[in-house]
Every structure is written in C-alpha cells, then in structure tokens.
Amino acid sequence: MVRLKDYLKSDITTFTNENEFAEIIDIDGDLVKVVYDSEALKEMQLSNGGEGLATSELLFHVAKSELKFEPFPGQNLVIDGSLLYVNDVKEDEGMYTLTLGAARG
C-alpha cells in the first residue's frame, strides 16, 4: 500500500529536480539544489512593514536531505561566495524554506 509520505517524497524529488525548478548553488562549500521563490519574498517584504524579514534579500526552498546541517535563524551561511544571515527558517514535509539577508556584524 502506497502511503501519503511516499507521494510527498516523489513530489519533493520533482520539485527539486534541476531540469524542472531547482538551481544548484554552493552553501558553505556544498553544492545544493534549491528552488528560489521571489514572489513569496516580495509578499513577505510587503506584509512586514519594513521590519525584520522585510530586509531579507533571498528566499529559497531546499529538501532537508540536501543539507548536512539543520539551519536556524541567526546563522551565517556562505552562499555562492556571499556571506548571508538566516532571518527565518520554516520546515514543512521534508523541505526547509530559508529567508536570508545581509550578514550582520
């Protein structure tokens, strides 16, 4: 019997396929498949009234299995050679959504 989890895993594989939606980027020296979401980033920036997440510059989705670590708010990551600050992390059904901005000193 096929379980819902099996269907979701299949969907994640399709969603994170670089021939479909994903792009490969370098996160802290590891090549990782991510899906950028500029529309969700714009909505977040506009709905936050210039506070907190409104300063974010990048939002992407990544399969948990792609990362060798568990991301957390406040973490600094080097993404494609740029130092960025994790403003927010959401986890849902085997995926992380990371929202990042300029690194803080």
C-alpha atoms as a PDB file:
ATOM      1  CA  MET A   1       0.000   0.000   0.000  1.00  0.00           C
ATOM      2  CA  VAL A   2       1.370   3.385  -1.015  1.00  0.00           C
ATOM      3  CA  ARG A   3       1.404   5.951   1.782  1.00  0.00           C
ATOM      4  CA  LEU A   4       0.982   9.720   1.548  1.00  0.00           C
ATOM      5  CA  LYS A   5       4.615  10.106   2.637  1.00  0.00           C
ATOM      6  CA  ASP A   6       5.664   8.199  -0.485  1.00  0.00           C
ATOM      7  CA  TYR A   7       3.746  10.599  -2.717  1.00  0.00           C
ATOM      8  CA  LEU A   8       5.228  13.623  -0.944  1.00  0.00           C
ATOM      9  CA  LYS A   9       8.746  12.248  -1.329  1.00  0.00           C
ATOM     10  CA  SER A  10       8.123  11.839  -5.050  1.00  0.00           C
ATOM     11  CA  ASP A  11       6.841  15.423  -5.255  1.00  0.00           C
ATOM     12  CA  ILE A  12       9.956  16.734  -3.477  1.00  0.00           C
ATOM     13  CA  THR A  13      12.155  14.880  -5.962  1.00  0.00           C
ATOM     14  CA  THR A  14      10.311  16.502  -8.884  1.00  0.00           C
ATOM     15  CA  PHE A  15      10.252  19.950  -7.268  1.00  0.00           C
ATOM     16  CA  THR A  16      13.996  19.865  -6.553  1.00  0.00           C
ATOM     17  CA  ASN A  17      14.978  18.466  -9.957  1.00  0.00           C
ATOM     18  CA  GLU A  18      17.376  20.901 -11.658  1.00  0.00           C
ATOM     19  CA  ASN A  19      15.717  20.080 -15.003  1.00  0.00           C
ATOM     20  CA  GLU A  20      12.392  21.286 -13.594  1.00  0.00           C
ATOM     21  CA  PHE A  21      12.539  24.049 -10.980  1.00  0.00           C
ATOM     22  CA  ALA A  22      15.750  23.792  -8.975  1.00  0.00           C
ATOM     23  CA  GLU A  23      19.098  25.505  -9.356  1.00  0.00           C
ATOM     24  CA  ILE A  24      22.364  24.260  -7.918  1.00  0.00           C
ATOM     25  CA  ILE A  25      24.103  26.667  -5.556  1.00  0.00           C
ATOM     26  CA  ASP A  26      27.058  26.486  -3.194  1.00  0.00           C
ATOM     27  CA  ILE A  27      26.122  26.601   0.503  1.00  0.00           C
ATOM     28  CA  ASP A  28      29.140  26.562   2.792  1.00  0.00           C
ATOM     29  CA  GLY A  29      31.160  24.589   0.256  1.00  0.00           C
ATOM     30  CA  ASP A  30      28.477  22.023  -0.629  1.00  0.00           C
ATOM     31  CA  LEU A  31      26.557  22.001  -3.922  1.00  0.00           C
ATOM     32  CA  VAL A  32      22.852  22.002  -3.081  1.00  0.00           C
ATOM     33  CA  LYS A  33      19.660  22.044  -5.174  1.00  0.00           C
ATOM     34  CA  VAL A  34      17.317  24.891  -4.214  1.00  0.00           C
ATOM     35  CA  VAL A  35      14.192  26.493  -5.638  1.00  0.00           C
ATOM     36  CA  TYR A  36      14.157  30.290  -5.441  1.00  0.00           C
ATOM     37  CA  ASP A  37      10.818  31.932  -4.665  1.00  0.00           C
ATOM     38  CA  SER A  38      10.938  35.643  -5.459  1.00  0.00           C
ATOM     39  CA  GLU A  39       7.141  36.006  -5.247  1.00  0.00           C
ATOM     40  CA  ALA A  40       6.993  34.707  -1.673  1.00  0.00           C
ATOM     41  CA  LEU A  41       9.909  37.006  -0.812  1.00  0.00           C
ATOM     42  CA  LYS A  42       8.082  40.053  -2.228  1.00  0.00           C
ATOM     43  CA  GLU A  43       4.902  39.186  -0.325  1.00  0.00           C
ATOM     44  CA  MET A  44       6.861  38.796   2.896  1.00  0.00           C
ATOM     45  CA  GLN A  45       8.694  42.080   2.398  1.00  0.00           C
ATOM     46  CA  LEU A  46       5.478  43.996   1.714  1.00  0.00           C
ATOM     47  CA  SER A  47       3.444  42.431   4.505  1.00  0.00           C
ATOM     48  CA  ASN A  48       6.071  43.054   7.157  1.00  0.00           C
ATOM     49  CA  GLY A  49       6.004  46.855   7.054  1.00  0.00           C
ATOM     50  CA  GLY A  50       9.746  47.317   6.730  1.00  0.00           C
ATOM     51  CA  GLU A  51      10.586  45.329   9.858  1.00  0.00           C
ATOM     52  CA  GLY A  52      12.657  42.177  10.280  1.00  0.00           C
ATOM     53  CA  LEU A  53      12.016  39.926   7.312  1.00  0.00           C
ATOM     54  CA  ALA A  54      11.412  42.950   5.095  1.00  0.00           C
ATOM     55  CA  THR A  55      15.194  43.322   4.944  1.00  0.00           C
ATOM     56  CA  SER A  56      15.571  39.828   3.502  1.00  0.00           C
ATOM     57  CA  GLU A  57      17.174  39.550   0.085  1.00  0.00           C
ATOM     58  CA  LEU A  58      16.734  35.881  -0.735  1.00  0.00           C
ATOM     59  CA  LEU A  59      14.172  33.150  -0.153  1.00  0.00           C
ATOM     60  CA  PHE A  60      14.502  29.568  -1.314  1.00  0.00           C
ATOM     61  CA  HIS A  61      13.171  26.081  -0.656  1.00  0.00           C
ATOM     62  CA  VAL A  62      15.532  23.151  -0.144  1.00  0.00           C
ATOM     63  CA  ALA A  63      14.958  19.474   0.651  1.00  0.00           C
ATOM     64  CA  LYS A  64      16.101  18.609   4.164  1.00  0.00           C
ATOM     65  CA  SER A  65      18.086  15.739   2.682  1.00  0.00           C
ATOM     66  CA  GLU A  66      20.184  18.218   0.649  1.00  0.00           C
ATOM     67  CA  LEU A  67      21.670  19.886   3.722  1.00  0.00           C
ATOM     68  CA  LYS A  68      24.275  18.393   6.045  1.00  0.00           C
ATOM     69  CA  PHE A  69      23.058  20.627   8.889  1.00  0.00           C
ATOM     70  CA  GLU A  70      19.840  21.952  10.392  1.00  0.00           C
ATOM     71  CA  PRO A  71      19.564  25.670   9.584  1.00  0.00           C
ATOM     72  CA  PHE A  72      18.444  28.114  12.262  1.00  0.00           C
ATOM     73  CA  PRO A  73      17.649  31.845  12.486  1.00  0.00           C
ATOM     74  CA  GLY A  74      20.751  33.875  13.285  1.00  0.00           C
ATOM     75  CA  GLN A  75      23.077  31.530  11.436  1.00  0.00           C
ATOM     76  CA  ASN A  76      25.566  32.913   8.915  1.00  0.00           C
ATOM     77  CA  LEU A  77      25.921  30.981   5.642  1.00  0.00           C
ATOM     78  CA  VAL A  78      28.200  31.499   2.675  1.00  0.00           C
ATOM     79  CA  ILE A  79      26.017  31.167  -0.415  1.00  0.00           C
ATOM     80  CA  ASP A  80      27.733  31.323  -3.786  1.00  0.00           C
ATOM     81  CA  GLY A  81      30.573  33.263  -2.173  1.00  0.00           C
ATOM     82  CA  SER A  82      28.394  35.813  -0.332  1.00  0.00           C
ATOM     83  CA  LEU A  83      28.029  35.850   3.447  1.00  0.00           C
ATOM     84  CA  LEU A  84      24.314  35.908   4.332  1.00  0.00           C
ATOM     85  CA  TYR A  85      22.345  35.862   7.587  1.00  0.00           C
ATOM     86  CA  VAL A  86      19.451  33.431   8.098  1.00  0.00           C
ATOM     87  CA  ASN A  87      16.460  35.570   9.076  1.00  0.00           C
ATOM     88  CA  ASP A  88      13.905  32.765   9.157  1.00  0.00           C
ATOM     89  CA  VAL A  89      13.595  29.005   8.656  1.00  0.00           C
ATOM     90  CA  LYS A  90      10.376  27.101   8.149  1.00  0.00           C
ATOM     91  CA  GLU A  91      10.123  23.320   7.898  1.00  0.00           C
ATOM     92  CA  ASP A  92       7.292  21.527   6.123  1.00  0.00           C
ATOM     93  CA  GLU A  93       7.022  17.962   4.827  1.00  0.00           C
ATOM     94  CA  GLY A  94      10.711  17.319   4.247  1.00  0.00           C
ATOM     95  CA  MET A  95      11.515  20.813   2.969  1.00  0.00           C
ATOM     96  CA  TYR A  96      13.046  23.910   4.502  1.00  0.00           C
ATOM     97  CA  THR A  97      12.182  27.439   3.438  1.00  0.00           C
ATOM     98  CA  LEU A  98      15.094  29.756   4.211  1.00  0.00           C
ATOM     99  CA  THR A  99      14.848  33.533   4.215  1.00  0.00           C
ATOM    100  CA  LEU A 100      18.203  35.320   4.176  1.00  0.00           C
ATOM    101  CA  GLY A 101      19.589  38.840   4.256  1.00  0.00           C
ATOM    102  CA  ALA A 102      22.912  40.640   4.512  1.00  0.00           C
ATOM    103  CA  ALA A 103      25.199  39.254   7.200  1.00  0.00           C
ATOM    104  CA  ARG A 104      25.167  41.137  10.481  1.00  0.00           C
ATOM    105  CA  GLY A 105      28.347  42.181  12.172  1.00  0.00           C
END
